[in-house]
N, C-alpha and C. Protein backbone atom coordinates (compact mmCIF):
# COMPACT_ATOMS: atom_id res chain seq x y z
N MET A 1 0.83 -1.17 0.00
CA MET A 1 0.00 0.00 0.00
C MET A 1 0.88 1.24 0.00
N HIS A 2 0.60 2.14 -0.89
CA HIS A 2 1.37 3.38 -0.98
C HIS A 2 0.77 4.42 -0.03
N ALA A 3 1.57 4.96 0.87
CA ALA A 3 1.06 5.91 1.86
C ALA A 3 1.99 7.10 2.05
N ASP A 4 2.88 7.37 1.11
CA ASP A 4 3.91 8.38 1.32
C ASP A 4 3.62 9.73 0.70
N ASN A 5 2.43 9.96 0.17
CA ASN A 5 2.14 11.24 -0.48
C ASN A 5 1.95 12.38 0.51
N ALA A 6 1.63 12.08 1.76
CA ALA A 6 1.39 13.11 2.77
C ALA A 6 1.77 12.58 4.14
N PHE A 7 2.12 13.49 5.03
CA PHE A 7 2.37 13.10 6.41
C PHE A 7 1.04 12.90 7.12
N HIS A 8 0.88 11.83 7.84
CA HIS A 8 -0.29 11.56 8.65
C HIS A 8 0.05 12.00 10.07
N VAL A 9 -0.84 12.74 10.71
CA VAL A 9 -0.49 13.39 11.97
C VAL A 9 -1.44 12.99 13.10
N ALA A 10 -0.97 13.24 14.31
CA ALA A 10 -1.79 13.14 15.52
C ALA A 10 -1.62 14.47 16.26
N LEU A 11 -2.70 14.95 16.86
CA LEU A 11 -2.68 16.21 17.62
C LEU A 11 -2.97 15.92 19.07
N ALA A 12 -2.19 16.53 19.98
CA ALA A 12 -2.43 16.39 21.41
C ALA A 12 -1.71 17.52 22.14
N ASP A 13 -2.39 18.12 23.09
CA ASP A 13 -1.78 19.12 23.98
C ASP A 13 -1.04 20.23 23.24
N GLY A 14 -1.62 20.72 22.17
CA GLY A 14 -1.02 21.84 21.44
C GLY A 14 0.15 21.47 20.56
N ARG A 15 0.34 20.18 20.36
CA ARG A 15 1.44 19.72 19.50
C ARG A 15 0.91 18.81 18.41
N VAL A 16 1.62 18.80 17.31
CA VAL A 16 1.33 17.87 16.23
C VAL A 16 2.49 16.88 16.16
N PHE A 17 2.16 15.60 16.04
CA PHE A 17 3.16 14.53 16.01
C PHE A 17 3.03 13.82 14.67
N PHE A 18 4.16 13.56 14.03
CA PHE A 18 4.12 12.86 12.74
C PHE A 18 5.44 12.17 12.48
N GLY A 19 5.39 11.19 11.60
CA GLY A 19 6.59 10.49 11.17
C GLY A 19 6.92 10.86 9.75
N SER A 20 8.17 10.63 9.38
CA SER A 20 8.62 10.94 8.03
C SER A 20 9.20 9.70 7.37
N SER A 21 8.74 9.44 6.14
CA SER A 21 9.32 8.35 5.37
C SER A 21 10.54 8.82 4.59
N VAL A 22 10.83 10.12 4.66
CA VAL A 22 11.99 10.69 3.98
C VAL A 22 13.20 10.70 4.91
N THR A 23 13.01 11.18 6.15
CA THR A 23 14.13 11.30 7.09
C THR A 23 14.17 10.17 8.11
N ASP A 24 13.13 9.30 8.13
CA ASP A 24 13.03 8.19 9.09
C ASP A 24 12.93 8.69 10.53
N ASP A 25 12.34 9.86 10.73
CA ASP A 25 12.24 10.47 12.05
C ASP A 25 10.78 10.59 12.48
N ILE A 26 10.59 10.71 13.79
CA ILE A 26 9.31 11.06 14.39
C ILE A 26 9.48 12.47 14.95
N TYR A 27 8.53 13.35 14.65
CA TYR A 27 8.63 14.75 15.03
C TYR A 27 7.50 15.16 15.96
N ALA A 28 7.77 16.15 16.80
CA ALA A 28 6.76 16.87 17.57
C ALA A 28 6.97 18.35 17.28
N MET A 29 5.88 19.03 16.91
CA MET A 29 5.94 20.46 16.62
C MET A 29 4.85 21.19 17.38
N GLU A 30 5.14 22.40 17.81
CA GLU A 30 4.14 23.26 18.43
C GLU A 30 3.17 23.74 17.35
N VAL A 31 1.88 23.56 17.58
CA VAL A 31 0.88 23.96 16.60
C VAL A 31 0.89 25.47 16.40
N ALA A 32 0.94 26.22 17.47
CA ALA A 32 0.84 27.68 17.40
C ALA A 32 2.00 28.32 16.66
N SER A 33 3.21 27.85 16.89
CA SER A 33 4.39 28.50 16.33
C SER A 33 5.01 27.76 15.15
N GLY A 34 4.77 26.47 15.05
CA GLY A 34 5.42 25.68 14.02
C GLY A 34 6.83 25.25 14.38
N ASP A 35 7.26 25.56 15.60
CA ASP A 35 8.61 25.19 16.04
C ASP A 35 8.69 23.69 16.30
N VAL A 36 9.81 23.10 15.92
CA VAL A 36 10.06 21.69 16.21
C VAL A 36 10.45 21.57 17.68
N CYS A 37 9.71 20.77 18.43
CA CYS A 37 10.01 20.55 19.86
C CYS A 37 11.08 19.49 20.02
N TRP A 38 10.94 18.41 19.27
CA TRP A 38 11.92 17.34 19.31
C TRP A 38 11.79 16.47 18.07
N ARG A 39 12.84 15.67 17.84
CA ARG A 39 12.88 14.73 16.72
C ARG A 39 13.55 13.47 17.21
N PHE A 40 12.97 12.32 16.88
CA PHE A 40 13.54 11.03 17.27
C PHE A 40 13.80 10.23 16.00
N SER A 41 15.03 9.73 15.83
CA SER A 41 15.41 9.00 14.63
C SER A 41 15.20 7.50 14.80
N THR A 42 14.62 6.88 13.75
CA THR A 42 14.49 5.42 13.68
C THR A 42 15.40 4.93 12.56
N GLU A 43 15.41 3.64 12.33
CA GLU A 43 16.26 3.07 11.29
C GLU A 43 15.48 2.75 10.02
N GLY A 44 14.28 3.30 9.89
CA GLY A 44 13.48 3.06 8.69
C GLY A 44 12.37 4.09 8.58
N PRO A 45 11.71 4.12 7.42
CA PRO A 45 10.63 5.08 7.22
C PRO A 45 9.51 4.92 8.23
N VAL A 46 8.94 6.05 8.63
CA VAL A 46 7.77 6.07 9.50
C VAL A 46 6.62 6.56 8.62
N ARG A 47 5.77 5.64 8.21
CA ARG A 47 4.79 5.92 7.16
C ARG A 47 3.41 6.35 7.67
N PHE A 48 3.09 6.06 8.92
CA PHE A 48 1.75 6.34 9.42
C PHE A 48 1.80 7.20 10.67
N ALA A 49 0.66 7.80 11.00
CA ALA A 49 0.58 8.69 12.16
C ALA A 49 0.87 7.94 13.44
N PRO A 50 1.62 8.55 14.33
CA PRO A 50 1.79 7.98 15.66
C PRO A 50 0.48 8.08 16.43
N SER A 51 0.40 7.36 17.51
CA SER A 51 -0.72 7.48 18.46
C SER A 51 -0.19 8.16 19.71
N VAL A 52 -1.03 8.97 20.33
CA VAL A 52 -0.64 9.70 21.53
C VAL A 52 -1.65 9.39 22.63
N CYS A 53 -1.15 8.96 23.78
CA CYS A 53 -2.02 8.62 24.90
C CYS A 53 -1.25 8.79 26.22
N ASN A 54 -1.84 9.49 27.17
CA ASN A 54 -1.26 9.64 28.52
C ASN A 54 0.20 10.08 28.51
N GLY A 55 0.52 11.06 27.67
CA GLY A 55 1.87 11.60 27.65
C GLY A 55 2.89 10.74 26.95
N ARG A 56 2.44 9.75 26.21
CA ARG A 56 3.34 8.87 25.45
C ARG A 56 2.98 8.91 23.97
N VAL A 57 3.98 8.78 23.12
CA VAL A 57 3.80 8.72 21.68
C VAL A 57 4.23 7.33 21.23
N TYR A 58 3.36 6.66 20.48
CA TYR A 58 3.62 5.31 19.98
C TYR A 58 3.68 5.37 18.47
N ALA A 59 4.76 4.84 17.88
CA ALA A 59 4.91 4.89 16.43
C ALA A 59 5.64 3.65 15.93
N GLY A 60 5.21 3.17 14.80
CA GLY A 60 5.88 2.05 14.15
C GLY A 60 6.75 2.53 13.02
N SER A 61 7.81 1.78 12.76
CA SER A 61 8.75 2.13 11.71
C SER A 61 8.98 0.91 10.82
N ASP A 62 9.39 1.16 9.60
CA ASP A 62 9.73 0.06 8.69
C ASP A 62 10.98 -0.70 9.13
N ASP A 63 11.62 -0.26 10.20
CA ASP A 63 12.76 -1.01 10.72
C ASP A 63 12.30 -2.23 11.53
N GLY A 64 10.97 -2.39 11.67
CA GLY A 64 10.42 -3.55 12.36
C GLY A 64 10.13 -3.33 13.83
N TYR A 65 10.29 -2.10 14.30
CA TYR A 65 10.07 -1.81 15.72
C TYR A 65 8.90 -0.85 15.91
N VAL A 66 8.28 -0.95 17.08
CA VAL A 66 7.32 0.04 17.56
C VAL A 66 8.01 0.77 18.70
N TYR A 67 7.94 2.08 18.66
CA TYR A 67 8.62 2.92 19.65
C TYR A 67 7.60 3.57 20.57
N CYS A 68 7.96 3.68 21.84
CA CYS A 68 7.20 4.44 22.82
C CYS A 68 8.11 5.57 23.28
N LEU A 69 7.65 6.80 23.07
CA LEU A 69 8.44 7.98 23.39
C LEU A 69 7.70 8.86 24.38
N ASP A 70 8.44 9.58 25.20
CA ASP A 70 7.85 10.58 26.09
C ASP A 70 7.41 11.76 25.22
N ALA A 71 6.14 12.12 25.29
CA ALA A 71 5.61 13.18 24.44
C ALA A 71 6.21 14.54 24.74
N SER A 72 6.70 14.75 25.95
CA SER A 72 7.23 16.08 26.31
C SER A 72 8.60 16.35 25.72
N ASP A 73 9.45 15.32 25.65
CA ASP A 73 10.82 15.56 25.17
C ASP A 73 11.34 14.58 24.13
N GLY A 74 10.53 13.58 23.75
CA GLY A 74 10.93 12.63 22.72
C GLY A 74 11.90 11.56 23.18
N SER A 75 12.12 11.46 24.48
CA SER A 75 13.04 10.42 24.96
C SER A 75 12.40 9.05 24.83
N LEU A 76 13.24 8.06 24.58
CA LEU A 76 12.78 6.68 24.39
C LEU A 76 12.35 6.08 25.72
N VAL A 77 11.10 5.59 25.76
CA VAL A 77 10.60 4.88 26.94
C VAL A 77 10.89 3.40 26.77
N TRP A 78 10.51 2.87 25.59
CA TRP A 78 10.85 1.49 25.21
C TRP A 78 10.79 1.35 23.71
């Protein structure tokens, strides 16, 4: 399935979260300013929107892993 024409996003707490199939990163940006809050690198494309719940960001990558990140700073939880 081709899904790379647009970034799929999740919104929570004034931030937009999305993955990139170009840079293989997961991003958090402030909605109001457009500033990048943090970026987390994976080893493969991130093709679909992350999920955000209880201060955690969950995202899958084509590297075969699902990542759980702290939504406030992008640090790896597991």
